[in-house]
């Protein structure tokens, strides 16, 4: 259903938005609840933002669900997050499919448990024909790790003689990234008031605009999302050039 006039992104809005969904733990602690309570609330917020994307002109949405550094959290929190990811996929799969959302996962799957990986594979396959919105979920993802893995694959191709080192440029390396089928993000949003990028889409965000908002992720509504998108439309993006 289309949003109100004030919730409609301008024609110059971003086609690809990436979000660092920060603040779940603090949101829960402010309410005297365990951190996992906040993560569950954050997962529910994902549905609202995904549903808003087509109406707001966002075709690609990439969300940061679990970083390579998040393994340092307590065993209880990590285990709870992995359970949450499995339940989210099982609960949302049919709704995402029916809404025309194509789901992809990026990140290193080696450390993830087999059940979760199987669910991820199944959801990617189920939604592979959809095109209304492209949702990419980063799990066990880190920008440096992604570039390192891409460089290893590139080096292997050279070692096997399928590629010459003389042909390697930025475009060549980009073909080995997890996001090689996606456009680069136009806008990166981080919630919770933190002003850092936390190793997220380092290569892809070279020319992205950034927006750091104070709202904790579980409170980041469709209306606030639309407001951020509208602000993006007023920016002067020159990509290194000087406007005449």
C-alpha atoms as a PDB file:
ATOM      1  CA  UNK A   1       0.000   0.000   0.000  1.00  0.00           C
ATOM      2  CA  UNK A   2       1.430   3.399  -0.951  1.00  0.00           C
ATOM      3  CA  UNK A   3       2.513   5.656   1.878  1.00  0.00           C
ATOM      4  CA  UNK A   4       1.308   9.180   2.637  1.00  0.00           C
ATOM      5  CA  UNK A   5       2.641  12.037   0.534  1.00  0.00           C
ATOM      6  CA  UNK A   6       5.181  13.020   3.188  1.00  0.00           C
ATOM      7  CA  UNK A   7       6.459   9.423   3.256  1.00  0.00           C
ATOM      8  CA  UNK A   8       7.169   9.229  -0.462  1.00  0.00           C
ATOM      9  CA  UNK A   9      10.806   9.402  -1.525  1.00  0.00           C
ATOM     10  CA  UNK A  10      11.679  11.877  -4.293  1.00  0.00           C
ATOM     11  CA  UNK A  11      12.456  10.654  -7.792  1.00  0.00           C
ATOM     12  CA  UNK A  12      16.112  11.402  -7.095  1.00  0.00           C
ATOM     13  CA  UNK A  13      16.113   9.051  -4.105  1.00  0.00           C
ATOM     14  CA  UNK A  14      18.619   6.224  -3.665  1.00  0.00           C
ATOM     15  CA  UNK A  15      18.045   2.990  -5.532  1.00  0.00           C
ATOM     16  CA  UNK A  16      20.263   1.010  -3.160  1.00  0.00           C
ATOM     17  CA  UNK A  17      20.241   1.651   0.587  1.00  0.00           C
ATOM     18  CA  UNK A  18      22.475  -0.177   3.056  1.00  0.00           C
ATOM     19  CA  UNK A  19      21.694  -0.113   6.780  1.00  0.00           C
ATOM     20  CA  UNK A  20      23.838  -0.811   9.830  1.00  0.00           C
ATOM     21  CA  UNK A  21      21.079  -1.820  12.234  1.00  0.00           C
ATOM     22  CA  UNK A  22      22.604  -0.683  15.515  1.00  0.00           C
ATOM     23  CA  UNK A  23      21.117  -0.203  18.961  1.00  0.00           C
ATOM     24  CA  UNK A  24      19.159  -3.396  19.642  1.00  0.00           C
ATOM     25  CA  UNK A  25      21.061  -4.197  22.824  1.00  0.00           C
ATOM     26  CA  UNK A  26      20.809  -0.693  24.260  1.00  0.00           C
ATOM     27  CA  UNK A  27      17.100  -0.568  23.375  1.00  0.00           C
ATOM     28  CA  UNK A  28      16.541  -3.714  25.454  1.00  0.00           C
ATOM     29  CA  UNK A  29      18.723  -2.585  28.363  1.00  0.00           C
ATOM     30  CA  UNK A  30      16.844   0.721  28.578  1.00  0.00           C
ATOM     31  CA  UNK A  31      13.755  -1.416  29.213  1.00  0.00           C
ATOM     32  CA  UNK A  32      15.433  -3.662  31.751  1.00  0.00           C
ATOM     33  CA  UNK A  33      15.396  -6.621  29.378  1.00  0.00           C
ATOM     34  CA  UNK A  34      18.171  -8.890  28.069  1.00  0.00           C
ATOM     35  CA  UNK A  35      19.958  -7.914  24.863  1.00  0.00           C
ATOM     36  CA  UNK A  36      18.288 -10.701  22.881  1.00  0.00           C
ATOM     37  CA  UNK A  37      14.914  -9.062  23.556  1.00  0.00           C
ATOM     38  CA  UNK A  38      16.205  -6.094  21.570  1.00  0.00           C
ATOM     39  CA  UNK A  39      17.410  -8.291  18.724  1.00  0.00           C
ATOM     40  CA  UNK A  40      13.952  -9.823  18.408  1.00  0.00           C
ATOM     41  CA  UNK A  41      12.430  -6.337  18.293  1.00  0.00           C
ATOM     42  CA  UNK A  42      14.983  -5.367  15.653  1.00  0.00           C
ATOM     43  CA  UNK A  43      14.044  -8.363  13.521  1.00  0.00           C
ATOM     44  CA  UNK A  44      10.405  -7.254  13.562  1.00  0.00           C
ATOM     45  CA  UNK A  45      11.491  -3.783  12.424  1.00  0.00           C
ATOM     46  CA  UNK A  46      13.197  -5.310   9.381  1.00  0.00           C
ATOM     47  CA  UNK A  47       9.818  -6.409   8.011  1.00  0.00           C
ATOM     48  CA  UNK A  48       8.415  -2.869   8.155  1.00  0.00           C
ATOM     49  CA  UNK A  49      11.416  -1.357   6.381  1.00  0.00           C
ATOM     50  CA  UNK A  50      11.489  -4.056   3.693  1.00  0.00           C
ATOM     51  CA  UNK A  51       7.771  -3.594   3.039  1.00  0.00           C
ATOM     52  CA  UNK A  52       8.288   0.171   2.692  1.00  0.00           C
ATOM     53  CA  UNK A  53      11.045  -0.087   0.071  1.00  0.00           C
ATOM     54  CA  UNK A  54       8.937  -0.476  -3.114  1.00  0.00           C
ATOM     55  CA  UNK A  55       6.699   2.466  -2.206  1.00  0.00           C
ATOM     56  CA  UNK A  56       9.730   4.612  -1.380  1.00  0.00           C
ATOM     57  CA  UNK A  57      11.579   3.835  -4.594  1.00  0.00           C
ATOM     58  CA  UNK A  58      14.267   1.650  -3.014  1.00  0.00           C
ATOM     59  CA  UNK A  59      14.917  -1.380  -5.195  1.00  0.00           C
ATOM     60  CA  UNK A  60      17.932  -2.717  -3.293  1.00  0.00           C
ATOM     61  CA  UNK A  61      18.207  -2.944   0.493  1.00  0.00           C
ATOM     62  CA  UNK A  62      21.264  -4.404   2.217  1.00  0.00           C
ATOM     63  CA  UNK A  63      21.205  -4.919   5.989  1.00  0.00           C
ATOM     64  CA  UNK A  64      24.064  -5.734   8.370  1.00  0.00           C
ATOM     65  CA  UNK A  65      22.818  -8.565  10.579  1.00  0.00           C
ATOM     66  CA  UNK A  66      25.998 -10.118  12.031  1.00  0.00           C
ATOM     67  CA  UNK A  67      29.614  -9.074  11.554  1.00  0.00           C
ATOM     68  CA  UNK A  68      32.813 -11.113  11.628  1.00  0.00           C
ATOM     69  CA  UNK A  69      33.598  -9.254  14.865  1.00  0.00           C
ATOM     70  CA  UNK A  70      30.302 -10.186  16.542  1.00  0.00           C
ATOM     71  CA  UNK A  71      31.657 -13.628  17.434  1.00  0.00           C
ATOM     72  CA  UNK A  72      33.424 -11.843  20.309  1.00  0.00           C
ATOM     73  CA  UNK A  73      30.109 -11.333  22.069  1.00  0.00           C
ATOM     74  CA  UNK A  74      29.006 -13.693  24.833  1.00  0.00           C
ATOM     75  CA  UNK A  75      28.267 -17.273  23.858  1.00  0.00           C
ATOM     76  CA  UNK A  76      24.678 -16.781  25.028  1.00  0.00           C
ATOM     77  CA  UNK A  77      24.113 -13.771  22.768  1.00  0.00           C
ATOM     78  CA  UNK A  78      25.763 -15.381  19.736  1.00  0.00           C
ATOM     79  CA  UNK A  79      23.768 -18.596  20.156  1.00  0.00           C
ATOM     80  CA  UNK A  80      20.595 -16.572  20.575  1.00  0.00           C
ATOM     81  CA  UNK A  81      21.299 -14.601  17.417  1.00  0.00           C
ATOM     82  CA  UNK A  82      21.879 -17.751  15.391  1.00  0.00           C
ATOM     83  CA  UNK A  83      18.576 -19.144  16.635  1.00  0.00           C
ATOM     84  CA  UNK A  84      16.904 -15.846  15.749  1.00  0.00           C
ATOM     85  CA  UNK A  85      18.298 -15.971  12.202  1.00  0.00           C
ATOM     86  CA  UNK A  86      16.951 -19.510  11.698  1.00  0.00           C
ATOM     87  CA  UNK A  87      13.529 -18.577  13.052  1.00  0.00           C
ATOM     88  CA  UNK A  88      13.408 -15.368  11.022  1.00  0.00           C
ATOM     89  CA  UNK A  89      14.020 -17.244   7.782  1.00  0.00           C
ATOM     90  CA  UNK A  90      11.461 -19.917   8.624  1.00  0.00           C
ATOM     91  CA  UNK A  91       8.843 -17.358   9.692  1.00  0.00           C
ATOM     92  CA  UNK A  92       9.345 -14.796   6.930  1.00  0.00           C
ATOM     93  CA  UNK A  93      10.150 -16.973   3.900  1.00  0.00           C
ATOM     94  CA  UNK A  94       6.635 -17.188   2.472  1.00  0.00           C
ATOM     95  CA  UNK A  95       5.832 -13.537   3.176  1.00  0.00           C
ATOM     96  CA  UNK A  96       8.996 -12.421   1.409  1.00  0.00           C
ATOM     97  CA  UNK A  97       8.252 -14.673  -1.534  1.00  0.00           C
ATOM     98  CA  UNK A  98       4.673 -13.446  -1.900  1.00  0.00           C
ATOM     99  CA  UNK A  99       5.788  -9.811  -1.643  1.00  0.00           C
ATOM    100  CA  UNK A 100       8.132 -10.281  -4.587  1.00  0.00           C
ATOM    101  CA  UNK A 101      11.295  -9.829  -2.524  1.00  0.00           C
ATOM    102  CA  UNK A 102      14.462 -11.506  -3.760  1.00  0.00           C
ATOM    103  CA  UNK A 103      16.722 -12.457  -0.851  1.00  0.00           C
ATOM    104  CA  UNK A 104      20.482 -12.891  -0.989  1.00  0.00           C
ATOM    105  CA  UNK A 105      23.016 -13.495   1.768  1.00  0.00           C
ATOM    106  CA  UNK A 106      26.576 -12.205   1.813  1.00  0.00           C
ATOM    107  CA  UNK A 107      29.428 -13.108   4.151  1.00  0.00           C
ATOM    108  CA  UNK A 108      31.534 -16.165   4.886  1.00  0.00           C
ATOM    109  CA  UNK A 109      29.252 -19.145   5.528  1.00  0.00           C
ATOM    110  CA  UNK A 110      31.977 -21.536   6.684  1.00  0.00           C
ATOM    111  CA  UNK A 111      31.540 -20.724  10.378  1.00  0.00           C
ATOM    112  CA  UNK A 112      27.743 -20.880  10.290  1.00  0.00           C
ATOM    113  CA  UNK A 113      25.927 -24.050  11.305  1.00  0.00           C
ATOM    114  CA  UNK A 114      24.642 -26.385   8.608  1.00  0.00           C
ATOM    115  CA  UNK A 115      20.958 -25.855   9.440  1.00  0.00           C
ATOM    116  CA  UNK A 116      21.235 -22.098   9.056  1.00  0.00           C
ATOM    117  CA  UNK A 117      23.180 -22.383   5.799  1.00  0.00           C
ATOM    118  CA  UNK A 118      20.576 -24.788   4.428  1.00  0.00           C
ATOM    119  CA  UNK A 119      17.777 -22.343   5.284  1.00  0.00           C
ATOM    120  CA  UNK A 120      19.705 -19.509   3.643  1.00  0.00           C
ATOM    121  CA  UNK A 121      20.198 -21.561   0.485  1.00  0.00           C
ATOM    122  CA  UNK A 122      16.521 -22.515   0.388  1.00  0.00           C
ATOM    123  CA  UNK A 123      15.344 -18.921   0.795  1.00  0.00           C
ATOM    124  CA  UNK A 124      17.664 -17.713  -1.951  1.00  0.00           C
ATOM    125  CA  UNK A 125      16.328 -20.418  -4.249  1.00  0.00           C
ATOM    126  CA  UNK A 126      12.680 -19.768  -3.317  1.00  0.00           C
ATOM    127  CA  UNK A 127      12.907 -16.053  -4.077  1.00  0.00           C
ATOM    128  CA  UNK A 128      15.324 -16.225  -7.023  1.00  0.00           C
ATOM    129  CA  UNK A 129      12.649 -15.207  -9.527  1.00  0.00           C
ATOM    130  CA  UNK A 130      11.460 -12.133  -7.596  1.00  0.00           C
ATOM    131  CA  UNK A 131      12.281  -8.572  -8.587  1.00  0.00           C
ATOM    132  CA  UNK A 132      10.083  -6.143  -6.626  1.00  0.00           C
ATOM    133  CA  UNK A 133      12.806  -5.556  -4.043  1.00  0.00           C
ATOM    134  CA  UNK A 134      16.254  -7.078  -3.601  1.00  0.00           C
ATOM    135  CA  UNK A 135      17.027  -7.738   0.072  1.00  0.00           C
ATOM    136  CA  UNK A 136      20.630  -8.648   0.890  1.00  0.00           C
ATOM    137  CA  UNK A 137      21.398  -9.847   4.408  1.00  0.00           C
ATOM    138  CA  UNK A 138      24.989  -9.733   5.630  1.00  0.00           C
ATOM    139  CA  UNK A 139      25.711 -12.560   8.091  1.00  0.00           C
ATOM    140  CA  UNK A 140      29.248 -13.275   9.309  1.00  0.00           C
ATOM    141  CA  UNK A 141      30.265 -10.436   7.053  1.00  0.00           C
ATOM    142  CA  UNK A 142      33.170  -8.011   7.267  1.00  0.00           C
ATOM    143  CA  UNK A 143      34.402  -5.678   4.559  1.00  0.00           C
ATOM    144  CA  UNK A 144      38.077  -6.546   5.027  1.00  0.00           C
ATOM    145  CA  UNK A 145      37.267 -10.244   5.139  1.00  0.00           C
ATOM    146  CA  UNK A 146      35.253  -9.937   1.925  1.00  0.00           C
ATOM    147  CA  UNK A 147      38.087  -8.186   0.077  1.00  0.00           C
ATOM    148  CA  UNK A 148      40.592 -10.726   1.404  1.00  0.00           C
ATOM    149  CA  UNK A 149      38.457 -13.638   0.180  1.00  0.00           C
ATOM    150  CA  UNK A 150      38.012 -11.916  -3.182  1.00  0.00           C
ATOM    151  CA  UNK A 151      41.774 -11.403  -3.506  1.00  0.00           C
ATOM    152  CA  UNK A 152      42.380 -15.080  -2.758  1.00  0.00           C
ATOM    153  CA  UNK A 153      39.912 -16.153  -5.450  1.00  0.00           C
ATOM    154  CA  UNK A 154      41.477 -13.712  -7.880  1.00  0.00           C
ATOM    155  CA  UNK A 155      44.970 -15.016  -7.087  1.00  0.00           C
ATOM    156  CA  UNK A 156      43.776 -18.577  -7.638  1.00  0.00           C
ATOM    157  CA  UNK A 157      42.430 -17.676 -11.090  1.00  0.00           C
ATOM    158  CA  UNK A 158      45.818 -16.193 -11.960  1.00  0.00           C
ATOM    159  CA  UNK A 159      47.633 -19.239 -10.563  1.00  0.00           C
ATOM    160  CA  UNK A 160      45.460 -21.547 -12.684  1.00  0.00           C
ATOM    161  CA  UNK A 161      46.237 -19.509 -15.769  1.00  0.00           C
ATOM    162  CA  UNK A 162      42.649 -18.404 -16.353  1.00  0.00           C
ATOM    163  CA  UNK A 163      43.497 -14.757 -15.755  1.00  0.00           C
ATOM    164  CA  UNK A 164      46.608 -12.653 -16.314  1.00  0.00           C
ATOM    165  CA  UNK A 165      47.897 -10.292 -13.645  1.00  0.00           C
ATOM    166  CA  UNK A 166      48.076  -7.662 -16.391  1.00  0.00           C
ATOM    167  CA  UNK A 167      44.295  -7.734 -16.660  1.00  0.00           C
ATOM    168  CA  UNK A 168      43.655  -7.082 -12.968  1.00  0.00           C
ATOM    169  CA  UNK A 169      42.058  -3.741 -12.160  1.00  0.00           C
ATOM    170  CA  UNK A 170      39.384  -2.499  -9.763  1.00  0.00           C
ATOM    171  CA  UNK A 171      36.603  -3.783 -12.003  1.00  0.00           C
ATOM    172  CA  UNK A 172      38.195  -7.238 -12.114  1.00  0.00           C
ATOM    173  CA  UNK A 173      38.501  -7.478  -8.335  1.00  0.00           C
ATOM    174  CA  UNK A 174      34.912  -6.316  -7.891  1.00  0.00           C
ATOM    175  CA  UNK A 175      33.717  -9.376  -9.829  1.00  0.00           C
ATOM    176  CA  UNK A 176      35.017 -11.579  -7.005  1.00  0.00           C
ATOM    177  CA  UNK A 177      33.240  -9.723  -4.193  1.00  0.00           C
ATOM    178  CA  UNK A 178      30.161 -11.168  -2.482  1.00  0.00           C
ATOM    179  CA  UNK A 179      28.138  -8.297  -3.966  1.00  0.00           C
ATOM    180  CA  UNK A 180      29.264  -8.732  -7.574  1.00  0.00           C
ATOM    181  CA  UNK A 181      25.652  -8.972  -8.833  1.00  0.00           C
ATOM    182  CA  UNK A 182      24.514  -5.849  -6.952  1.00  0.00           C
ATOM    183  CA  UNK A 183      24.920  -2.139  -7.669  1.00  0.00           C
ATOM    184  CA  UNK A 184      26.973  -0.166  -5.182  1.00  0.00           C
ATOM    185  CA  UNK A 185      24.949   1.455  -2.392  1.00  0.00           C
ATOM    186  CA  UNK A 186      23.902   5.061  -2.898  1.00  0.00           C
ATOM    187  CA  UNK A 187      23.184   5.649   0.775  1.00  0.00           C
ATOM    188  CA  UNK A 188      24.422   3.992   3.979  1.00  0.00           C
ATOM    189  CA  UNK A 189      22.386   4.559   7.138  1.00  0.00           C
ATOM    190  CA  UNK A 190      23.560   3.773  10.642  1.00  0.00           C
ATOM    191  CA  UNK A 191      21.134   3.948  13.529  1.00  0.00           C
ATOM    192  CA  UNK A 192      21.758   4.514  17.276  1.00  0.00           C
ATOM    193  CA  UNK A 193      23.900   7.649  17.084  1.00  0.00           C
ATOM    194  CA  UNK A 194      27.224   5.948  16.388  1.00  0.00           C
ATOM    195  CA  UNK A 195      29.233   7.609  13.616  1.00  0.00           C
ATOM    196  CA  UNK A 196      31.392   4.795  12.266  1.00  0.00           C
ATOM    197  CA  UNK A 197      31.062   2.292   9.432  1.00  0.00           C
ATOM    198  CA  UNK A 198      32.174  -0.831  11.337  1.00  0.00           C
ATOM    199  CA  UNK A 199      33.813  -2.670   8.447  1.00  0.00           C
ATOM    200  CA  UNK A 200      30.621  -2.682   6.362  1.00  0.00           C
ATOM    201  CA  UNK A 201      30.744  -2.619   2.538  1.00  0.00           C
ATOM    202  CA  UNK A 202      34.121  -0.870   2.535  1.00  0.00           C
ATOM    203  CA  UNK A 203      34.791  -1.324  -1.175  1.00  0.00           C
ATOM    204  CA  UNK A 204      31.241  -0.766  -2.374  1.00  0.00           C
ATOM    205  CA  UNK A 205      30.598   2.415  -0.384  1.00  0.00           C
ATOM    206  CA  UNK A 206      33.468   4.450  -1.828  1.00  0.00           C
ATOM    207  CA  UNK A 207      31.030   7.058  -3.192  1.00  0.00           C
ATOM    208  CA  UNK A 208      28.009   6.392  -1.000  1.00  0.00           C
ATOM    209  CA  UNK A 209      26.382   9.089   1.087  1.00  0.00           C
ATOM    210  CA  UNK A 210      26.230   8.393   4.835  1.00  0.00           C
ATOM    211  CA  UNK A 211      23.483   9.232   7.287  1.00  0.00           C
ATOM    212  CA  UNK A 212      23.966   8.678  11.018  1.00  0.00           C
ATOM    213  CA  UNK A 213      20.712   8.874  12.956  1.00  0.00           C
ATOM    214  CA  UNK A 214      20.240   8.862  16.718  1.00  0.00           C
ATOM    215  CA  UNK A 215      17.244   6.517  16.693  1.00  0.00           C
ATOM    216  CA  UNK A 216      17.872   2.988  17.969  1.00  0.00           C
ATOM    217  CA  UNK A 217      17.108   0.377  15.324  1.00  0.00           C
ATOM    218  CA  UNK A 218      13.943  -1.094  16.946  1.00  0.00           C
ATOM    219  CA  UNK A 219      12.466   2.446  16.879  1.00  0.00           C
ATOM    220  CA  UNK A 220      13.487   3.250  13.280  1.00  0.00           C
ATOM    221  CA  UNK A 221      10.086   3.580  11.605  1.00  0.00           C
ATOM    222  CA  UNK A 222       8.979   3.771   7.999  1.00  0.00           C
ATOM    223  CA  UNK A 223       8.339   7.497   8.476  1.00  0.00           C
ATOM    224  CA  UNK A 224      11.905   8.144   9.644  1.00  0.00           C
ATOM    225  CA  UNK A 225      13.250   5.991   6.820  1.00  0.00           C
ATOM    226  CA  UNK A 226      11.290   8.094   4.315  1.00  0.00           C
ATOM    227  CA  UNK A 227      12.611  11.296   5.893  1.00  0.00           C
ATOM    228  CA  UNK A 228      16.214  10.139   5.495  1.00  0.00           C
ATOM    229  CA  UNK A 229      15.563   9.197   1.865  1.00  0.00           C
ATOM    230  CA  UNK A 230      14.044  12.611   1.179  1.00  0.00           C
ATOM    231  CA  UNK A 231      17.143  14.270   2.625  1.00  0.00           C
ATOM    232  CA  UNK A 232      19.317  12.242   0.283  1.00  0.00           C
ATOM    233  CA  UNK A 233      17.467  13.679  -2.698  1.00  0.00           C
ATOM    234  CA  UNK A 234      18.583  17.192  -1.729  1.00  0.00           C
ATOM    235  CA  UNK A 235      22.297  16.314  -1.731  1.00  0.00           C
ATOM    236  CA  UNK A 236      24.658  17.359  -4.511  1.00  0.00           C
ATOM    237  CA  UNK A 237      26.468  14.185  -5.638  1.00  0.00           C
ATOM    238  CA  UNK A 238      29.448  14.854  -7.951  1.00  0.00           C
ATOM    239  CA  UNK A 239      31.477  11.601  -7.619  1.00  0.00           C
ATOM    240  CA  UNK A 240      34.756  13.482  -7.538  1.00  0.00           C
ATOM    241  CA  UNK A 241      33.920  15.875 -10.382  1.00  0.00           C
ATOM    242  CA  UNK A 242      33.477  19.634 -10.161  1.00  0.00           C
ATOM    243  CA  UNK A 243      30.077  20.935 -11.200  1.00  0.00           C
ATOM    244  CA  UNK A 244      30.314  23.501 -13.993  1.00  0.00           C
END
